[in-house]
Amino acid sequence: MELHNAVGIITGASSGIGWATAKRLSGAGAKLVVTARRQERLDQLVEEMSGEAVAVAGSIVDPSLPQGLIDAAIRHFGRLDFVFNNAGIMNVGKVDEVDDDAMTTMIRVNFEAAARLAYAAVKVFKPQGHGDLITTSSILGLKVRPGAAVYSGTKFAIEAMSEALRLELAGTGVRVMVIEPGYTATDLQSHWKPEQKLSLKATKQPVQAADIARAVQFMLEQPNYVVIPRMLMLPMEQTL
């Protein structure tokens, strides 16, 4: 894809990977619809971006949001070329301490909302004969660890959905991809308890949000006959 004047949607854009990716793709000339819950953060992001952008604040679990984002892209820019399906949260905990409501919310954010947007996007992409869908998965979409059962389950679900869609849409001009970050320096773990963060302290140099943004741009800019179904990005010190 030629990113100059390409039109895309980025979810979870108010911080971390979404924020960094929006700024990078805008710098490459893309026109963007960015979304997250915090209007003030989105407004700040749009001010800092170098290209055209529209902010649409809303809850990612609102069933009407995917179509609202697509409508905004078409209304302001005339089309939709790619979606970075990035919004997510990470709640962890052992069986005897986990908050059931937090786990259920995470399922809705990480998988239900991602699935709604994925299907809404490919329904636009398939008839027009082109479009890229990239969803943020995780290394924990490939493996599991104690205390992260539900989070890992949501990312395994992202992997399964994306691969099934890739197979279904092969040959249509629609590319379906996932990016799988390892430990990345964002706010994703900011609400964890100190003891839950101990395993992260062993990584002296985590992946940066800007590294993921660079990888997303690389995936989008491949020739239209090339697809990168999965890209795993880890800190050099992190083992599988």
Protein backbone atom coordinates (compact mmCIF):
# COMPACT_ATOMS: atom_id res chain seq x y z
CA MET A 1 0.00 0.00 0.00
CA GLU A 2 1.12 3.53 -0.77
CA LEU A 3 0.44 5.31 2.52
CA HIS A 4 0.40 8.83 1.08
CA ASN A 5 -3.30 9.79 1.07
CA ALA A 6 -4.38 6.31 2.21
CA VAL A 7 -7.28 6.44 4.68
CA GLY A 8 -7.25 4.41 7.88
CA ILE A 9 -8.81 3.88 11.29
CA ILE A 10 -6.74 3.40 14.46
CA THR A 11 -8.34 2.28 17.72
CA GLY A 12 -6.81 2.68 21.16
CA ALA A 13 -5.14 5.83 19.87
CA SER A 14 -5.00 7.85 23.09
CA SER A 15 -1.73 6.31 24.30
CA GLY A 16 0.96 3.71 23.71
CA ILE A 17 1.03 1.75 20.48
CA GLY A 18 -2.05 3.42 19.02
CA TRP A 19 -0.68 6.91 19.68
CA ALA A 20 2.74 6.10 18.23
CA THR A 21 1.28 4.40 15.18
CA ALA A 22 -1.09 7.28 14.46
CA LYS A 23 1.78 9.76 14.51
CA ARG A 24 4.01 7.59 12.33
CA LEU A 25 1.38 6.82 9.69
CA SER A 26 0.27 10.44 9.64
CA GLY A 27 3.88 11.40 9.04
CA ALA A 28 3.89 9.03 6.06
CA GLY A 29 0.92 10.88 4.59
CA ALA A 30 -2.03 8.76 5.72
CA LYS A 31 -5.39 10.35 6.56
CA LEU A 32 -6.71 8.94 9.81
CA VAL A 33 -9.75 8.46 11.97
CA VAL A 34 -8.48 7.95 15.52
CA THR A 35 -10.57 6.70 18.42
CA ALA A 36 -10.36 6.07 22.15
CA ARG A 37 -12.44 7.05 25.19
CA ARG A 38 -10.57 10.24 26.13
CA GLN A 39 -11.55 13.16 23.91
CA GLU A 40 -8.87 15.44 25.33
CA ARG A 41 -6.11 12.96 24.51
CA LEU A 42 -7.44 12.48 20.98
CA ASP A 43 -7.56 16.24 20.48
CA GLN A 44 -3.96 16.50 21.62
CA LEU A 45 -2.96 13.68 19.26
CA VAL A 46 -4.64 15.32 16.28
CA GLU A 47 -2.84 18.59 17.08
CA GLU A 48 0.52 16.79 17.09
CA MET A 49 -0.07 14.84 13.88
CA SER A 50 1.34 16.17 10.64
CA GLY A 51 -1.46 15.01 8.34
CA GLU A 52 -5.23 15.13 8.14
CA ALA A 53 -7.04 13.40 11.01
CA VAL A 54 -10.43 13.18 12.67
CA ALA A 55 -10.97 12.23 16.32
CA VAL A 56 -14.01 10.14 17.26
CA ALA A 57 -14.25 9.57 21.01
CA GLY A 58 -16.24 6.60 22.24
CA SER A 59 -16.23 3.29 24.07
CA ILE A 60 -14.73 0.50 21.99
CA VAL A 61 -17.41 -1.88 23.31
CA ASP A 62 -20.25 0.27 21.96
CA PRO A 63 -21.75 -1.88 19.15
CA SER A 64 -22.40 1.23 17.07
CA LEU A 65 -18.79 2.47 17.15
CA PRO A 66 -17.35 0.37 14.27
CA GLN A 67 -19.87 1.67 11.77
CA GLY A 68 -19.49 5.16 13.21
CA LEU A 69 -15.74 5.04 12.55
CA ILE A 70 -16.24 3.76 9.02
CA ASP A 71 -18.86 6.44 8.34
CA ALA A 72 -16.45 9.10 9.64
CA ALA A 73 -13.68 7.90 7.31
CA ILE A 74 -15.95 7.93 4.27
CA ARG A 75 -17.61 11.22 5.20
CA HIS A 76 -14.34 13.10 5.74
CA PHE A 77 -11.98 11.35 3.33
CA GLY A 78 -14.16 9.48 0.83
CA ARG A 79 -12.98 5.91 1.43
CA LEU A 80 -11.33 3.42 3.80
CA ASP A 81 -8.08 1.59 3.00
CA PHE A 82 -6.89 0.08 6.29
CA VAL A 83 -7.80 -0.52 9.92
CA PHE A 84 -5.38 -0.92 12.81
CA ASN A 85 -7.56 -2.81 15.29
CA ASN A 86 -5.44 -2.03 18.33
CA ALA A 87 -7.57 -1.22 21.40
CA GLY A 88 -7.03 -3.57 24.34
CA ILE A 89 -6.58 -3.91 28.09
CA MET A 90 -4.65 -6.38 30.23
CA ASN A 91 -6.03 -7.60 33.53
CA VAL A 92 -4.21 -10.45 35.25
CA GLY A 93 -4.58 -12.35 38.50
CA LYS A 94 -4.51 -15.78 40.08
CA VAL A 95 -7.68 -17.80 40.42
CA ASP A 96 -8.27 -16.88 44.06
CA GLU A 97 -7.76 -13.14 43.56
CA VAL A 98 -9.04 -12.37 40.09
CA ASP A 99 -11.87 -9.89 39.58
CA ASP A 100 -14.52 -11.66 37.50
CA ASP A 101 -16.03 -8.41 36.25
CA ALA A 102 -12.62 -7.17 35.12
CA MET A 103 -12.06 -10.41 33.22
CA THR A 104 -15.45 -10.13 31.51
CA THR A 105 -14.76 -6.54 30.55
CA MET A 106 -11.43 -7.57 29.08
CA ILE A 107 -13.12 -10.20 26.93
CA ARG A 108 -15.48 -7.56 25.57
CA VAL A 109 -12.71 -5.06 24.85
CA ASN A 110 -10.03 -7.43 23.56
CA PHE A 111 -12.15 -9.78 21.50
CA GLU A 112 -15.80 -8.83 21.12
CA ALA A 113 -15.02 -5.24 20.12
CA ALA A 114 -12.12 -6.33 17.90
CA ALA A 115 -14.35 -8.86 16.15
CA ARG A 116 -17.08 -6.28 15.53
CA LEU A 117 -14.64 -3.86 13.93
CA ALA A 118 -12.87 -6.59 11.96
CA TYR A 119 -16.09 -7.80 10.35
CA ALA A 120 -17.36 -4.27 9.72
CA ALA A 121 -14.07 -3.38 8.02
CA VAL A 122 -13.79 -6.42 5.77
CA LYS A 123 -17.39 -5.88 4.62
CA VAL A 124 -16.10 -2.60 3.20
CA PHE A 125 -12.80 -3.98 1.91
CA LYS A 126 -14.09 -7.06 0.06
CA PRO A 127 -16.48 -5.30 -2.37
CA GLN A 128 -13.88 -2.64 -3.21
CA GLY A 129 -11.21 -5.28 -3.83
CA HIS A 130 -8.59 -3.98 -1.44
CA GLY A 131 -7.98 -3.18 2.23
CA ASP A 132 -5.69 -4.08 5.11
CA LEU A 133 -6.78 -5.22 8.57
CA ILE A 134 -4.08 -5.42 11.25
CA THR A 135 -5.08 -6.47 14.76
CA THR A 136 -2.87 -6.26 17.83
CA SER A 137 -2.38 -9.69 19.33
CA SER A 138 0.41 -10.58 21.79
CA ILE A 139 3.10 -13.11 22.52
CA LEU A 140 0.41 -14.43 24.87
CA GLY A 141 -1.64 -15.26 21.80
CA LEU A 142 0.99 -17.94 21.14
CA LYS A 143 1.69 -19.20 24.67
CA VAL A 144 0.19 -19.01 28.14
CA ARG A 145 1.44 -18.18 31.59
CA PRO A 146 -0.04 -18.49 35.10
CA GLY A 147 -2.25 -15.58 36.06
CA ALA A 148 -2.94 -14.48 32.48
CA ALA A 149 -5.43 -17.15 31.48
CA VAL A 150 -8.24 -14.89 30.29
CA TYR A 151 -5.96 -12.30 28.67
CA SER A 152 -4.18 -15.07 26.80
CA GLY A 153 -7.53 -16.52 25.82
CA THR A 154 -8.57 -13.24 24.22
CA LYS A 155 -5.37 -13.09 22.20
CA PHE A 156 -5.60 -16.74 21.11
CA ALA A 157 -9.09 -15.81 19.90
CA ILE A 158 -7.66 -12.87 17.92
CA GLU A 159 -5.14 -15.22 16.31
CA ALA A 160 -7.84 -17.72 15.34
CA MET A 161 -10.24 -15.12 13.99
CA SER A 162 -7.55 -13.35 11.97
CA GLU A 163 -6.19 -16.53 10.41
CA ALA A 164 -9.69 -17.72 9.49
CA LEU A 165 -10.47 -14.36 7.90
CA ARG A 166 -7.17 -14.39 6.04
CA LEU A 167 -8.01 -17.79 4.54
CA GLU A 168 -11.57 -16.76 3.70
CA LEU A 169 -10.46 -13.55 1.98
CA ALA A 170 -7.38 -14.91 0.18
CA GLY A 171 -7.45 -13.75 -3.43
CA THR A 172 -9.92 -10.91 -2.83
CA GLY A 173 -7.31 -8.17 -2.40
CA VAL A 174 -7.98 -7.99 1.35
CA ARG A 175 -5.01 -8.64 3.64
CA VAL A 176 -5.56 -9.78 7.24
CA MET A 177 -2.61 -9.60 9.63
CA VAL A 178 -1.71 -9.60 13.31
CA ILE A 179 1.20 -8.08 15.19
CA GLU A 180 2.34 -9.86 18.35
CA PRO A 181 4.26 -7.64 20.79
CA GLY A 182 6.23 -9.03 23.67
CA TYR A 183 6.85 -6.82 26.70
CA THR A 184 6.36 -3.27 25.42
CA ALA A 185 6.80 -0.06 27.39
CA THR A 186 3.22 1.28 27.47
CA ASP A 187 0.54 1.92 30.10
CA LEU A 188 -0.92 -1.57 29.62
CA GLN A 189 0.49 -2.80 32.95
CA SER A 190 0.28 0.51 34.83
CA HIS A 191 -2.60 -0.71 37.03
CA TRP A 192 -0.91 -3.98 38.03
CA LYS A 193 0.03 -4.67 41.64
CA PRO A 194 3.76 -4.36 42.48
CA GLU A 195 4.18 -8.13 42.81
CA GLN A 196 2.63 -8.61 39.37
CA LYS A 197 5.22 -6.29 37.84
CA LEU A 198 8.22 -8.20 39.20
CA SER A 199 8.59 -10.37 36.11
CA LEU A 200 8.75 -7.26 33.92
CA LYS A 201 11.65 -5.70 35.82
CA ALA A 202 14.01 -8.38 34.52
CA THR A 203 13.71 -6.87 31.03
CA LYS A 204 16.10 -3.94 30.94
CA GLN A 205 15.11 -2.76 27.46
CA PRO A 206 11.49 -3.44 26.51
CA VAL A 207 10.15 -2.90 23.03
CA GLN A 208 8.98 0.69 22.52
CA ALA A 209 5.62 1.75 21.11
CA ALA A 210 7.51 3.43 18.27
CA ASP A 211 9.03 0.06 17.34
CA ILE A 212 5.56 -1.45 16.93
CA ALA A 213 4.47 1.58 14.90
CA ARG A 214 7.40 1.11 12.55
CA ALA A 215 6.45 -2.55 12.11
CA VAL A 216 2.82 -1.67 11.34
CA GLN A 217 3.98 0.73 8.64
CA PHE A 218 6.22 -2.00 7.21
CA MET A 219 3.30 -4.44 7.04
CA LEU A 220 1.06 -1.92 5.30
CA GLU A 221 3.69 -0.87 2.76
CA GLN A 222 4.32 -4.36 1.37
CA PRO A 223 3.39 -4.84 -2.30
CA ASN A 224 -0.24 -5.88 -2.76
CA TYR A 225 0.80 -9.45 -3.68
CA VAL A 226 2.56 -9.88 -0.29
CA VAL A 227 0.87 -10.45 3.06
CA ILE A 228 2.54 -10.81 6.47
CA PRO A 229 0.00 -12.88 8.42
CA ARG A 230 1.91 -12.63 11.72
CA MET A 231 4.75 -10.51 13.06
CA LEU A 232 6.22 -11.29 16.49
CA MET A 233 8.29 -8.52 18.13
CA LEU A 234 10.15 -9.21 21.37
CA PRO A 235 12.78 -7.53 23.53
CA MET A 236 16.12 -9.16 22.86
CA GLU A 237 16.18 -10.48 26.45
CA GLN A 238 12.69 -12.02 26.38
CA THR A 239 12.48 -15.76 25.88
CA LEU A 240 9.44 -17.62 24.62
